[in-house]
């Protein structure tokens, strides 16, 4: 699973880099409001992809504790979580 996350992160990074390069060529060929919009989209998409890269300080990305369908996932291990919605 951790390897799939790493591969997916790299694919998003490569795809966003290609998107940015394409938008730079578009802006160089004919500068318009739309080409400027595409250029800003490319920059933001690349920055977002960089932020989704797993941390290089550890061998595995640290997964946040999430609760979904009465289960919590912490570092790849599923644990049953008691959920009582009557209090809400």
C-alpha atoms as a PDB file:
ATOM      1  CA  UNK A   1       0.000   0.000   0.000  1.00  0.00           C
ATOM      2  CA  UNK A   2       2.806   2.402   0.867  1.00  0.00           C
ATOM      3  CA  UNK A   3       4.480   1.715  -2.475  1.00  0.00           C
ATOM      4  CA  UNK A   4       1.221   2.486  -4.287  1.00  0.00           C
ATOM      5  CA  UNK A   5       0.954   5.812  -2.449  1.00  0.00           C
ATOM      6  CA  UNK A   6       4.502   6.683  -3.484  1.00  0.00           C
ATOM      7  CA  UNK A   7       3.886   5.715  -7.116  1.00  0.00           C
ATOM      8  CA  UNK A   8       0.606   7.664  -7.208  1.00  0.00           C
ATOM      9  CA  UNK A   9       2.317  10.721  -5.723  1.00  0.00           C
ATOM     10  CA  UNK A  10       5.071  10.604  -8.342  1.00  0.00           C
ATOM     11  CA  UNK A  11       2.541  10.179 -11.155  1.00  0.00           C
ATOM     12  CA  UNK A  12       0.615  13.227  -9.951  1.00  0.00           C
ATOM     13  CA  UNK A  13       3.872  15.194  -9.723  1.00  0.00           C
ATOM     14  CA  UNK A  14       4.889  14.223 -13.262  1.00  0.00           C
ATOM     15  CA  UNK A  15       1.400  14.924 -14.627  1.00  0.00           C
ATOM     16  CA  UNK A  16       1.224  18.329 -12.977  1.00  0.00           C
ATOM     17  CA  UNK A  17       4.683  19.193 -14.304  1.00  0.00           C
ATOM     18  CA  UNK A  18       3.539  18.320 -17.840  1.00  0.00           C
ATOM     19  CA  UNK A  19       0.385  20.388 -17.336  1.00  0.00           C
ATOM     20  CA  UNK A  20       2.508  23.371 -16.261  1.00  0.00           C
ATOM     21  CA  UNK A  21       4.873  22.988 -19.227  1.00  0.00           C
ATOM     22  CA  UNK A  22       1.902  22.849 -21.606  1.00  0.00           C
ATOM     23  CA  UNK A  23       0.400  25.993 -20.079  1.00  0.00           C
ATOM     24  CA  UNK A  24       3.752  27.804 -20.399  1.00  0.00           C
ATOM     25  CA  UNK A  25       3.901  26.949 -24.118  1.00  0.00           C
ATOM     26  CA  UNK A  26       0.302  28.117 -24.523  1.00  0.00           C
ATOM     27  CA  UNK A  27       1.092  31.456 -22.837  1.00  0.00           C
ATOM     28  CA  UNK A  28       4.207  31.881 -24.999  1.00  0.00           C
ATOM     29  CA  UNK A  29       2.308  31.244 -28.252  1.00  0.00           C
ATOM     30  CA  UNK A  30      -0.656  33.511 -27.618  1.00  0.00           C
ATOM     31  CA  UNK A  31      -0.964  35.392 -24.359  1.00  0.00           C
ATOM     32  CA  UNK A  32      -4.532  35.882 -23.203  1.00  0.00           C
ATOM     33  CA  UNK A  33      -6.578  35.798 -20.052  1.00  0.00           C
ATOM     34  CA  UNK A  34      -7.279  32.089 -20.579  1.00  0.00           C
ATOM     35  CA  UNK A  35      -3.592  31.262 -21.051  1.00  0.00           C
ATOM     36  CA  UNK A  36      -2.803  33.157 -17.848  1.00  0.00           C
ATOM     37  CA  UNK A  37      -5.560  31.203 -16.088  1.00  0.00           C
ATOM     38  CA  UNK A  38      -4.145  27.896 -17.376  1.00  0.00           C
ATOM     39  CA  UNK A  39      -0.667  28.931 -16.244  1.00  0.00           C
ATOM     40  CA  UNK A  40      -1.891  29.703 -12.726  1.00  0.00           C
ATOM     41  CA  UNK A  41      -3.787  26.378 -12.663  1.00  0.00           C
ATOM     42  CA  UNK A  42      -0.594  24.557 -13.628  1.00  0.00           C
ATOM     43  CA  UNK A  43       1.421  26.267 -10.890  1.00  0.00           C
ATOM     44  CA  UNK A  44      -1.200  25.535  -8.223  1.00  0.00           C
ATOM     45  CA  UNK A  45      -1.598  21.926  -9.360  1.00  0.00           C
ATOM     46  CA  UNK A  46       2.182  21.406  -9.211  1.00  0.00           C
ATOM     47  CA  UNK A  47       2.405  22.941  -5.723  1.00  0.00           C
ATOM     48  CA  UNK A  48      -0.475  20.742  -4.534  1.00  0.00           C
ATOM     49  CA  UNK A  49       1.204  17.653  -5.972  1.00  0.00           C
ATOM     50  CA  UNK A  50       4.435  18.516  -4.155  1.00  0.00           C
ATOM     51  CA  UNK A  51       2.550  18.814  -0.866  1.00  0.00           C
ATOM     52  CA  UNK A  52       1.024  15.348  -1.397  1.00  0.00           C
ATOM     53  CA  UNK A  53       4.457  13.712  -1.695  1.00  0.00           C
ATOM     54  CA  UNK A  54       5.151  11.341   1.220  1.00  0.00           C
ATOM     55  CA  UNK A  55       7.642  12.460   3.831  1.00  0.00           C
ATOM     56  CA  UNK A  56      11.193  11.350   3.049  1.00  0.00           C
ATOM     57  CA  UNK A  57      12.218  11.361   6.731  1.00  0.00           C
ATOM     58  CA  UNK A  58      10.525   8.011   7.369  1.00  0.00           C
ATOM     59  CA  UNK A  59      10.390   4.839   5.333  1.00  0.00           C
ATOM     60  CA  UNK A  60       6.598   4.921   5.282  1.00  0.00           C
ATOM     61  CA  UNK A  61       4.252   7.866   5.030  1.00  0.00           C
ATOM     62  CA  UNK A  62       2.562   8.740   8.289  1.00  0.00           C
ATOM     63  CA  UNK A  63      -1.140   8.155   7.898  1.00  0.00           C
ATOM     64  CA  UNK A  64      -3.524  10.329   9.870  1.00  0.00           C
ATOM     65  CA  UNK A  65      -6.044   8.628  12.098  1.00  0.00           C
ATOM     66  CA  UNK A  66      -9.332   8.560  10.241  1.00  0.00           C
ATOM     67  CA  UNK A  67     -12.725   7.224  11.221  1.00  0.00           C
ATOM     68  CA  UNK A  68     -14.852   5.660   8.516  1.00  0.00           C
ATOM     69  CA  UNK A  69     -17.655   3.133   8.878  1.00  0.00           C
ATOM     70  CA  UNK A  70     -16.932   2.443  12.554  1.00  0.00           C
ATOM     71  CA  UNK A  71     -13.276   1.626  11.862  1.00  0.00           C
ATOM     72  CA  UNK A  72     -10.185   3.717  12.389  1.00  0.00           C
ATOM     73  CA  UNK A  73      -7.007   3.306  10.426  1.00  0.00           C
ATOM     74  CA  UNK A  74      -3.768   4.127  12.205  1.00  0.00           C
ATOM     75  CA  UNK A  75      -0.511   3.354  10.440  1.00  0.00           C
ATOM     76  CA  UNK A  76      -2.120   0.682   8.283  1.00  0.00           C
ATOM     77  CA  UNK A  77      -3.838  -1.191  11.138  1.00  0.00           C
ATOM     78  CA  UNK A  78      -7.609  -1.279  11.430  1.00  0.00           C
ATOM     79  CA  UNK A  79      -9.127  -0.929  14.874  1.00  0.00           C
ATOM     80  CA  UNK A  80     -12.788  -1.018  15.814  1.00  0.00           C
ATOM     81  CA  UNK A  81     -14.044   2.348  17.076  1.00  0.00           C
ATOM     82  CA  UNK A  82     -17.150   2.694  19.216  1.00  0.00           C
ATOM     83  CA  UNK A  83     -19.337   5.392  17.755  1.00  0.00           C
ATOM     84  CA  UNK A  84     -22.400   6.653  19.598  1.00  0.00           C
ATOM     85  CA  UNK A  85     -24.334   9.209  17.576  1.00  0.00           C
ATOM     86  CA  UNK A  86     -27.097   9.494  20.161  1.00  0.00           C
ATOM     87  CA  UNK A  87     -25.150  12.194  22.030  1.00  0.00           C
ATOM     88  CA  UNK A  88     -25.064  14.509  19.019  1.00  0.00           C
END
